[in-house]
Amino acid sequence: MDTSSEIRSSINNILYYANKVQDLTKLQMEKDAETGLLLGIDTNVGSIRFECIGAIRTAAEWIQVYCENIESNLKTAESLDKELFSNS
């Protein structure tokens, strides 16, 4: 496959940013918890905020799963290179 390296590079970039999103959501949760301990927190708003941050983190985890799927399919597609044009 002529585009394999570009696809892998794109996957690696996506994974980098998915990991970055996970790190940043963790950091934000820690900051919110620290500030909440010092100043208190509105539990209704805090609950919604923590759910949103958790949903962002979960979406980033799903992006990683999708990238694994892309990589798996890419390997299969690459393995068929010789067979694809064997009749030519």
Protein backbone atom coordinates (compact mmCIF):
# COMPACT_ATOMS: atom_id res chain seq x y z
CA MET A 1 0.00 0.00 0.00
CA ASP A 2 1.51 3.26 -1.11
CA THR A 3 -0.22 5.31 1.58
CA SER A 4 0.57 3.09 4.58
CA SER A 5 3.23 5.35 6.06
CA GLU A 6 1.01 8.43 5.76
CA ILE A 7 -1.90 6.59 7.36
CA ARG A 8 0.32 5.41 10.22
CA SER A 9 1.67 8.90 10.68
CA SER A 10 -1.87 10.23 10.91
CA ILE A 11 -2.79 7.54 13.42
CA ASN A 12 0.23 8.46 15.53
CA ASN A 13 -0.77 12.13 15.46
CA ILE A 14 -4.32 11.30 16.46
CA LEU A 15 -3.09 9.07 19.30
CA TYR A 16 -0.76 11.82 20.50
CA TYR A 17 -3.62 14.29 20.77
CA ALA A 18 -6.01 11.73 22.28
CA ASN A 19 -3.41 11.11 25.00
CA LYS A 20 -2.98 14.86 25.43
CA VAL A 21 -6.75 15.25 25.92
CA GLN A 22 -6.69 12.52 28.55
CA ASP A 23 -3.78 14.17 30.38
CA LEU A 24 -5.48 17.57 30.30
CA THR A 25 -8.81 16.24 31.56
CA LYS A 26 -7.00 14.55 34.44
CA LEU A 27 -5.19 17.80 35.21
CA GLN A 28 -8.45 19.77 35.12
CA MET A 29 -10.18 17.31 37.44
CA GLU A 30 -7.29 17.61 39.90
CA LYS A 31 -7.39 21.42 39.73
CA ASP A 32 -11.16 21.46 40.23
CA ALA A 33 -10.85 19.11 43.19
CA GLU A 34 -8.12 21.21 44.81
CA THR A 35 -10.04 24.44 44.29
CA GLY A 36 -13.22 22.79 45.51
CA LEU A 37 -11.52 21.73 48.72
CA LEU A 38 -10.31 25.29 49.33
CA LEU A 39 -13.33 27.29 48.25
CA GLY A 40 -16.19 24.82 48.17
CA ILE A 41 -18.13 23.84 45.13
CA ASP A 42 -21.71 24.02 43.90
CA THR A 43 -22.54 20.32 43.79
CA ASN A 44 -25.13 20.66 41.00
CA VAL A 45 -22.78 22.52 38.71
CA GLY A 46 -19.81 20.44 39.84
CA SER A 47 -21.62 17.23 39.05
CA ILE A 48 -22.42 18.36 35.51
CA ARG A 49 -18.86 19.64 35.02
CA PHE A 50 -17.27 16.38 36.22
CA GLU A 51 -19.61 14.38 33.99
CA CYS A 52 -18.63 16.52 30.99
CA ILE A 53 -14.93 16.14 31.71
CA GLY A 54 -15.42 12.40 32.17
CA ALA A 55 -17.25 12.20 28.85
CA ILE A 56 -14.39 14.03 27.14
CA ARG A 57 -11.90 11.58 28.64
CA THR A 58 -14.01 8.59 27.58
CA ALA A 59 -14.28 9.94 24.03
CA ALA A 60 -10.49 10.22 23.89
CA GLU A 61 -10.23 6.59 25.04
CA TRP A 62 -12.62 5.56 22.26
CA ILE A 63 -10.48 7.43 19.75
CA GLN A 64 -7.59 5.20 20.83
CA VAL A 65 -9.74 2.09 20.28
CA TYR A 66 -10.71 3.34 16.81
CA CYS A 67 -7.06 3.95 15.98
CA GLU A 68 -6.24 0.37 16.99
CA ASN A 69 -9.00 -0.76 14.61
CA ILE A 70 -7.56 1.36 11.80
CA GLU A 71 -4.09 -0.09 12.41
CA SER A 72 -5.45 -3.63 12.39
CA ASN A 73 -7.28 -3.07 9.13
CA LEU A 74 -4.24 -1.37 7.64
CA LYS A 75 -2.10 -4.44 8.40
CA THR A 76 -4.66 -6.69 6.75
CA ALA A 77 -4.87 -4.43 3.71
CA GLU A 78 -1.06 -4.37 3.44
CA SER A 79 -0.88 -8.14 3.64
CA LEU A 80 -3.06 -8.35 0.52
CA ASP A 81 -0.78 -6.21 -1.66
CA LYS A 82 0.75 -9.13 -3.58
CA GLU A 83 -2.56 -10.93 -4.05
CA LEU A 84 -4.40 -7.82 -5.22
CA PHE A 85 -2.46 -7.56 -8.46
CA SER A 86 -1.48 -11.22 -8.92
CA ASN A 87 -3.56 -11.58 -12.09
CA SER A 88 -1.84 -8.69 -13.84
